[in-house]
Amino acid sequence: MADQRSIGQMVSDVTTDLSSIVHNEIALAKLEIKADVTKGGKGTVFLVVAAGAALYGLGFLLSAAASGIHAAGLPSWLSILIIALVLFIVAGITALIGIKNLKRIQGKPVKTIANAQETVADLKVAAKPSNN
């Protein structure tokens, strides 16, 4: 019987273990949220680049239309029109990349929630009195 621990020691061990579990769950939640914020930041940057390229494309498109009406001679406005189309292509590609990055955001610490639910379930099982 000398190797059995007292109730006080067991309560102390349980308190220490629970504190460690909570600390680790908080650390995991921080890591997950940081990853989501990073993904959101990348997606936002791509969307801002897409918006900028679209605005420049609109400017070039309007310039090409004005030059086309004015000159009706092809070379000048055609080159401006080509530049505008290239900018719209860039805007489309960067917008798709930005949207793809934003869709990856989970919005909540999924792993932390799953671990916390497992811990609660394990604690419920451990807390039930045994019929032995």
N, C-alpha and C. Protein backbone atom coordinates (compact mmCIF):
# COMPACT_ATOMS: atom_id res chain seq x y z
N MET A 1 0.82 -1.19 0.00
CA MET A 1 0.00 0.00 0.00
C MET A 1 0.86 1.25 0.00
N ALA A 2 2.16 1.10 0.20
CA ALA A 2 3.03 2.26 0.27
C ALA A 2 3.19 2.92 -1.09
N ASP A 3 2.96 2.16 -2.17
CA ASP A 3 3.14 2.73 -3.50
C ASP A 3 1.89 3.41 -4.02
N GLN A 4 0.79 3.40 -3.29
CA GLN A 4 -0.43 4.08 -3.71
C GLN A 4 -0.32 5.55 -3.32
N ARG A 5 -0.87 6.39 -4.21
CA ARG A 5 -0.81 7.83 -3.96
C ARG A 5 -2.03 8.27 -3.16
N SER A 6 -1.87 9.37 -2.47
CA SER A 6 -2.99 9.90 -1.70
C SER A 6 -3.94 10.65 -2.63
N ILE A 7 -5.14 10.91 -2.14
CA ILE A 7 -6.13 11.66 -2.94
C ILE A 7 -5.60 13.04 -3.27
N GLY A 8 -4.92 13.65 -2.36
CA GLY A 8 -4.33 14.98 -2.59
C GLY A 8 -3.33 14.96 -3.74
N GLN A 9 -2.50 13.93 -3.77
CA GLN A 9 -1.53 13.80 -4.86
C GLN A 9 -2.22 13.58 -6.19
N MET A 10 -3.27 12.76 -6.19
CA MET A 10 -4.00 12.51 -7.43
C MET A 10 -4.70 13.77 -7.93
N VAL A 11 -5.30 14.53 -7.02
CA VAL A 11 -5.94 15.79 -7.40
C VAL A 11 -4.91 16.75 -7.95
N SER A 12 -3.76 16.79 -7.32
CA SER A 12 -2.68 17.66 -7.80
C SER A 12 -2.23 17.25 -9.20
N ASP A 13 -2.09 15.95 -9.44
CA ASP A 13 -1.70 15.45 -10.76
C ASP A 13 -2.76 15.80 -11.82
N VAL A 14 -4.02 15.61 -11.46
CA VAL A 14 -5.12 15.91 -12.39
C VAL A 14 -5.12 17.40 -12.72
N THR A 15 -4.94 18.24 -11.72
CA THR A 15 -4.90 19.69 -11.94
C THR A 15 -3.75 20.06 -12.85
N THR A 16 -2.59 19.49 -12.62
CA THR A 16 -1.42 19.76 -13.47
C THR A 16 -1.67 19.29 -14.90
N ASP A 17 -2.24 18.09 -15.04
CA ASP A 17 -2.53 17.55 -16.37
C ASP A 17 -3.55 18.41 -17.11
N LEU A 18 -4.62 18.81 -16.42
CA LEU A 18 -5.64 19.66 -17.05
C LEU A 18 -5.05 21.00 -17.47
N SER A 19 -4.21 21.56 -16.62
CA SER A 19 -3.56 22.83 -16.95
C SER A 19 -2.70 22.68 -18.20
N SER A 20 -1.98 21.59 -18.28
CA SER A 20 -1.14 21.32 -19.45
C SER A 20 -1.99 21.14 -20.70
N ILE A 21 -3.10 20.43 -20.58
CA ILE A 21 -4.00 20.20 -21.73
C ILE A 21 -4.56 21.53 -22.22
N VAL A 22 -5.04 22.35 -21.30
CA VAL A 22 -5.61 23.65 -21.68
C VAL A 22 -4.54 24.52 -22.33
N HIS A 23 -3.36 24.53 -21.78
CA HIS A 23 -2.26 25.33 -22.35
C HIS A 23 -1.95 24.87 -23.77
N ASN A 24 -1.88 23.57 -23.98
CA ASN A 24 -1.58 23.03 -25.32
C ASN A 24 -2.70 23.32 -26.31
N GLU A 25 -3.96 23.23 -25.85
CA GLU A 25 -5.09 23.53 -26.73
C GLU A 25 -5.07 25.00 -27.16
N ILE A 26 -4.74 25.88 -26.25
CA ILE A 26 -4.66 27.31 -26.58
C ILE A 26 -3.54 27.55 -27.58
N ALA A 27 -2.41 26.90 -27.39
CA ALA A 27 -1.30 27.06 -28.33
C ALA A 27 -1.68 26.56 -29.72
N LEU A 28 -2.40 25.44 -29.78
CA LEU A 28 -2.84 24.91 -31.07
C LEU A 28 -3.84 25.85 -31.73
N ALA A 29 -4.76 26.41 -30.96
CA ALA A 29 -5.73 27.36 -31.51
C ALA A 29 -5.03 28.59 -32.09
N LYS A 30 -4.01 29.08 -31.39
CA LYS A 30 -3.25 30.23 -31.89
C LYS A 30 -2.60 29.91 -33.23
N LEU A 31 -2.02 28.72 -33.34
CA LEU A 31 -1.37 28.34 -34.60
C LEU A 31 -2.37 28.25 -35.74
N GLU A 32 -3.54 27.67 -35.49
CA GLU A 32 -4.55 27.53 -36.53
C GLU A 32 -5.08 28.90 -36.97
N ILE A 33 -5.32 29.77 -36.01
CA ILE A 33 -5.84 31.11 -36.35
C ILE A 33 -4.79 31.89 -37.12
N LYS A 34 -3.54 31.77 -36.73
CA LYS A 34 -2.46 32.47 -37.44
C LYS A 34 -2.39 32.00 -38.90
N ALA A 35 -2.54 30.70 -39.13
CA ALA A 35 -2.52 30.16 -40.49
C ALA A 35 -3.68 30.72 -41.31
N ASP A 36 -4.86 30.81 -40.71
CA ASP A 36 -6.02 31.36 -41.42
C ASP A 36 -5.84 32.82 -41.76
N VAL A 37 -5.27 33.59 -40.82
CA VAL A 37 -5.03 35.01 -41.07
C VAL A 37 -4.03 35.18 -42.21
N THR A 38 -3.01 34.34 -42.26
CA THR A 38 -2.03 34.40 -43.35
C THR A 38 -2.69 34.12 -44.70
N LYS A 39 -3.55 33.08 -44.74
CA LYS A 39 -4.25 32.76 -45.98
C LYS A 39 -5.16 33.91 -46.40
N GLY A 40 -5.85 34.50 -45.44
CA GLY A 40 -6.73 35.63 -45.74
C GLY A 40 -5.96 36.83 -46.26
N GLY A 41 -4.79 37.06 -45.69
CA GLY A 41 -3.95 38.17 -46.15
C GLY A 41 -3.48 37.96 -47.59
N LYS A 42 -3.06 36.75 -47.90
CA LYS A 42 -2.63 36.45 -49.27
C LYS A 42 -3.77 36.62 -50.27
N GLY A 43 -4.93 36.10 -49.91
CA GLY A 43 -6.09 36.22 -50.80
C GLY A 43 -6.47 37.68 -51.02
N THR A 44 -6.40 38.48 -49.97
CA THR A 44 -6.72 39.90 -50.08
C THR A 44 -5.73 40.61 -50.98
N VAL A 45 -4.45 40.30 -50.85
CA VAL A 45 -3.44 40.93 -51.71
C VAL A 45 -3.72 40.63 -53.18
N PHE A 46 -4.02 39.38 -53.49
CA PHE A 46 -4.31 39.04 -54.88
C PHE A 46 -5.55 39.77 -55.39
N LEU A 47 -6.57 39.92 -54.55
CA LEU A 47 -7.76 40.64 -54.98
C LEU A 47 -7.48 42.13 -55.18
N VAL A 48 -6.62 42.70 -54.36
CA VAL A 48 -6.24 44.12 -54.53
C VAL A 48 -5.47 44.29 -55.84
N VAL A 49 -4.56 43.37 -56.12
CA VAL A 49 -3.82 43.42 -57.39
C VAL A 49 -4.78 43.29 -58.56
N ALA A 50 -5.75 42.39 -58.44
CA ALA A 50 -6.75 42.20 -59.50
C ALA A 50 -7.54 43.48 -59.72
N ALA A 51 -7.94 44.14 -58.64
CA ALA A 51 -8.70 45.38 -58.76
C ALA A 51 -7.86 46.47 -59.42
N GLY A 52 -6.61 46.57 -59.03
CA GLY A 52 -5.72 47.56 -59.65
C GLY A 52 -5.53 47.31 -61.13
N ALA A 53 -5.30 46.04 -61.49
CA ALA A 53 -5.13 45.71 -62.91
C ALA A 53 -6.41 45.99 -63.69
N ALA A 54 -7.56 45.70 -63.09
CA ALA A 54 -8.84 45.97 -63.77
C ALA A 54 -9.03 47.47 -63.99
N LEU A 55 -8.67 48.28 -63.01
CA LEU A 55 -8.80 49.73 -63.17
C LEU A 55 -7.88 50.25 -64.28
N TYR A 56 -6.64 49.78 -64.28
CA TYR A 56 -5.73 50.17 -65.37
C TYR A 56 -6.27 49.68 -66.71
N GLY A 57 -6.80 48.47 -66.75
CA GLY A 57 -7.37 47.94 -67.98
C GLY A 57 -8.53 48.79 -68.48
N LEU A 58 -9.37 49.23 -67.57
CA LEU A 58 -10.48 50.10 -67.95
C LEU A 58 -9.97 51.42 -68.53
N GLY A 59 -8.94 51.97 -67.90
CA GLY A 59 -8.34 53.20 -68.43
C GLY A 59 -7.79 53.01 -69.84
N PHE A 60 -7.07 51.94 -70.04
CA PHE A 60 -6.54 51.67 -71.38
C PHE A 60 -7.65 51.38 -72.39
N LEU A 61 -8.69 50.68 -71.95
CA LEU A 61 -9.80 50.37 -72.84
C LEU A 61 -10.50 51.66 -73.29
N LEU A 62 -10.72 52.56 -72.36
CA LEU A 62 -11.33 53.83 -72.71
C LEU A 62 -10.42 54.67 -73.61
N SER A 63 -9.14 54.62 -73.32
CA SER A 63 -8.17 55.33 -74.17
C SER A 63 -8.16 54.75 -75.57
N ALA A 64 -8.25 53.43 -75.67
CA ALA A 64 -8.27 52.78 -76.98
C ALA A 64 -9.53 53.14 -77.75
N ALA A 65 -10.65 53.18 -77.06
CA ALA A 65 -11.90 53.55 -77.74
C ALA A 65 -11.83 54.99 -78.24
N ALA A 66 -11.31 55.87 -77.42
CA ALA A 66 -11.19 57.28 -77.82
C ALA A 66 -10.23 57.41 -79.00
N SER A 67 -9.11 56.72 -78.92
CA SER A 67 -8.15 56.79 -80.03
C SER A 67 -8.73 56.18 -81.30
N GLY A 68 -9.49 55.11 -81.16
CA GLY A 68 -10.10 54.44 -82.31
C GLY A 68 -11.11 55.32 -83.01
N ILE A 69 -11.93 55.97 -82.22
CA ILE A 69 -12.91 56.88 -82.81
C ILE A 69 -12.21 58.06 -83.47
N HIS A 70 -11.20 58.59 -82.82
CA HIS A 70 -10.49 59.76 -83.32
C HIS A 70 -9.66 59.45 -84.56
N ALA A 71 -8.92 58.43 -84.50
CA ALA A 71 -7.97 58.17 -85.57
C ALA A 71 -8.54 57.26 -86.66
N ALA A 72 -9.29 56.28 -86.31
CA ALA A 72 -9.82 55.29 -87.24
C ALA A 72 -8.74 54.70 -88.12
N GLY A 73 -7.51 54.83 -87.65
CA GLY A 73 -6.40 54.30 -88.44
C GLY A 73 -5.77 53.10 -87.76
N LEU A 74 -6.14 52.35 -87.03
CA LEU A 74 -5.70 51.08 -86.46
C LEU A 74 -4.44 51.06 -85.61
N PRO A 75 -3.25 51.36 -86.05
CA PRO A 75 -2.07 51.05 -85.25
C PRO A 75 -2.07 51.59 -83.80
N SER A 76 -2.39 52.83 -83.58
CA SER A 76 -2.30 53.42 -82.25
C SER A 76 -3.30 52.80 -81.27
N TRP A 77 -4.53 52.78 -81.61
CA TRP A 77 -5.53 52.28 -80.67
C TRP A 77 -5.48 50.77 -80.53
N LEU A 78 -5.05 50.08 -81.59
CA LEU A 78 -4.97 48.63 -81.51
C LEU A 78 -3.94 48.21 -80.47
N SER A 79 -2.83 48.92 -80.44
CA SER A 79 -1.80 48.58 -79.44
C SER A 79 -2.30 48.87 -78.03
N ILE A 80 -3.02 49.94 -77.87
CA ILE A 80 -3.58 50.25 -76.55
C ILE A 80 -4.63 49.21 -76.17
N LEU A 81 -5.43 48.78 -77.13
CA LEU A 81 -6.44 47.76 -76.88
C LEU A 81 -5.80 46.44 -76.46
N ILE A 82 -4.73 46.07 -77.08
CA ILE A 82 -4.02 44.84 -76.73
C ILE A 82 -3.51 44.91 -75.29
N ILE A 83 -2.96 46.06 -74.91
CA ILE A 83 -2.48 46.24 -73.54
C ILE A 83 -3.64 46.11 -72.56
N ALA A 84 -4.77 46.70 -72.90
CA ALA A 84 -5.94 46.61 -72.02
C ALA A 84 -6.39 45.16 -71.85
N LEU A 85 -6.40 44.40 -72.94
CA LEU A 85 -6.80 43.00 -72.85
C LEU A 85 -5.84 42.18 -71.97
N VAL A 86 -4.54 42.47 -72.11
CA VAL A 86 -3.55 41.79 -71.28
C VAL A 86 -3.79 42.10 -69.80
N LEU A 87 -4.09 43.36 -69.49
CA LEU A 87 -4.35 43.73 -68.10
C LEU A 87 -5.60 43.04 -67.56
N PHE A 88 -6.62 42.90 -68.39
CA PHE A 88 -7.82 42.18 -67.95
C PHE A 88 -7.53 40.70 -67.71
N ILE A 89 -6.68 40.11 -68.51
CA ILE A 89 -6.28 38.72 -68.29
C ILE A 89 -5.55 38.59 -66.96
N VAL A 90 -4.63 39.52 -66.70
CA VAL A 90 -3.90 39.52 -65.42
C VAL A 90 -4.88 39.67 -64.26
N ALA A 91 -5.85 40.58 -64.42
CA ALA A 91 -6.84 40.79 -63.36
C ALA A 91 -7.64 39.51 -63.11
N GLY A 92 -8.03 38.82 -64.16
CA GLY A 92 -8.80 37.59 -64.01
C GLY A 92 -8.00 36.50 -63.30
N ILE A 93 -6.76 36.34 -63.69
CA ILE A 93 -5.92 35.30 -63.08
C ILE A 93 -5.68 35.60 -61.61
N THR A 94 -5.32 36.85 -61.30
CA THR A 94 -5.06 37.18 -59.89
C THR A 94 -6.33 37.11 -59.05
N ALA A 95 -7.48 37.45 -59.63
CA ALA A 95 -8.74 37.33 -58.89
C ALA A 95 -9.04 35.87 -58.58
N LEU A 96 -8.82 34.97 -59.53
CA LEU A 96 -9.05 33.54 -59.28
C LEU A 96 -8.12 33.01 -58.20
N ILE A 97 -6.87 33.44 -58.22
CA ILE A 97 -5.92 33.00 -57.20
C ILE A 97 -6.34 33.54 -55.83
N GLY A 98 -6.76 34.80 -55.78
CA GLY A 98 -7.20 35.40 -54.52
C GLY A 98 -8.42 34.69 -53.95
N ILE A 99 -9.38 34.40 -54.80
CA ILE A 99 -10.59 33.70 -54.35
C ILE A 99 -10.25 32.30 -53.86
N LYS A 100 -9.34 31.63 -54.56
CA LYS A 100 -8.92 30.29 -54.14
C LYS A 100 -8.29 30.34 -52.74
N ASN A 101 -7.45 31.35 -52.49
CA ASN A 101 -6.82 31.48 -51.18
C ASN A 101 -7.84 31.80 -50.10
N LEU A 102 -8.82 32.63 -50.41
CA LEU A 102 -9.84 32.98 -49.41
C LEU A 102 -10.74 31.79 -49.09
N LYS A 103 -10.97 30.90 -50.04
CA LYS A 103 -11.81 29.72 -49.80
C LYS A 103 -11.12 28.71 -48.89
N ARG A 104 -9.82 28.79 -48.76
CA ARG A 104 -9.08 27.86 -47.90
C ARG A 104 -9.24 28.19 -46.42
N ILE A 105 -9.73 29.37 -46.11
CA ILE A 105 -9.85 29.78 -44.72
C ILE A 105 -10.93 28.94 -44.05
N GLN A 106 -10.59 28.35 -42.93
CA GLN A 106 -11.55 27.53 -42.20
C GLN A 106 -12.39 28.38 -41.25
N GLY A 107 -11.85 29.47 -40.77
CA GLY A 107 -12.61 30.38 -39.93
C GLY A 107 -12.69 29.99 -38.47
N LYS A 108 -12.25 28.81 -38.14
CA LYS A 108 -12.27 28.39 -36.74
C LYS A 108 -11.16 27.36 -36.55
N PRO A 109 -10.67 27.25 -35.34
CA PRO A 109 -9.59 26.28 -35.06
C PRO A 109 -10.14 24.86 -34.98
N VAL A 110 -10.27 24.21 -36.12
CA VAL A 110 -10.91 22.90 -36.24
C VAL A 110 -10.19 21.84 -35.39
N LYS A 111 -8.88 21.80 -35.49
CA LYS A 111 -8.13 20.78 -34.74
C LYS A 111 -8.27 20.98 -33.24
N THR A 112 -8.24 22.23 -32.82
CA THR A 112 -8.37 22.53 -31.39
C THR A 112 -9.73 22.10 -30.87
N ILE A 113 -10.78 22.39 -31.63
CA ILE A 113 -12.13 22.00 -31.22
C ILE A 113 -12.24 20.48 -31.13
N ALA A 114 -11.70 19.79 -32.13
CA ALA A 114 -11.75 18.32 -32.11
C ALA A 114 -10.99 17.77 -30.91
N ASN A 115 -9.80 18.32 -30.64
CA ASN A 115 -9.02 17.86 -29.49
C ASN A 115 -9.74 18.14 -28.18
N ALA A 116 -10.36 19.32 -28.08
CA ALA A 116 -11.09 19.66 -26.86
C ALA A 116 -12.27 18.72 -26.65
N GLN A 117 -12.98 18.39 -27.73
CA GLN A 117 -14.11 17.46 -27.62
C GLN A 117 -13.63 16.07 -27.20
N GLU A 118 -12.49 15.64 -27.74
CA GLU A 118 -11.92 14.35 -27.34
C GLU A 118 -11.55 14.35 -25.87
N THR A 119 -10.94 15.45 -25.43
CA THR A 119 -10.53 15.56 -24.04
C THR A 119 -11.73 15.50 -23.11
N VAL A 120 -12.78 16.24 -23.46
CA VAL A 120 -14.00 16.24 -22.64
C VAL A 120 -14.59 14.83 -22.58
N ALA A 121 -14.64 14.15 -23.73
CA ALA A 121 -15.17 12.79 -23.76
C ALA A 121 -14.33 11.86 -22.89
N ASP A 122 -13.01 11.97 -22.99
CA ASP A 122 -12.13 11.14 -22.18
C ASP A 122 -12.30 11.42 -20.69
N LEU A 123 -12.45 12.71 -20.36
CA LEU A 123 -12.63 13.06 -18.95
C LEU A 123 -13.95 12.54 -18.42
N LYS A 124 -14.99 12.56 -19.26
CA LYS A 124 -16.29 12.03 -18.83
C LYS A 124 -16.19 10.53 -18.54
N VAL A 125 -15.48 9.83 -19.43
CA VAL A 125 -15.30 8.38 -19.23
C VAL A 125 -14.49 8.13 -17.97
N ALA A 126 -13.43 8.91 -17.78
CA ALA A 126 -12.57 8.70 -16.61
C ALA A 126 -13.27 9.08 -15.31
N ALA A 127 -14.21 10.02 -15.38
CA ALA A 127 -14.90 10.49 -14.17
C ALA A 127 -16.01 9.57 -13.72
N LYS A 128 -16.49 8.69 -14.60
CA LYS A 128 -17.56 7.77 -14.23
C LYS A 128 -17.03 6.76 -13.20
N PRO A 129 -17.79 6.57 -12.16
CA PRO A 129 -17.35 5.58 -11.17
C PRO A 129 -17.42 4.16 -11.75
N SER A 130 -16.44 3.39 -11.45
CA SER A 130 -16.44 2.00 -11.95
C SER A 130 -17.26 1.13 -11.00
N ASN A 131 -17.83 0.10 -11.53
CA ASN A 131 -18.67 -0.79 -10.75
C ASN A 131 -17.89 -1.99 -10.20
N ASN A 132 -16.59 -1.88 -10.12
CA ASN A 132 -15.76 -3.00 -9.65
C ASN A 132 -15.80 -3.11 -8.18
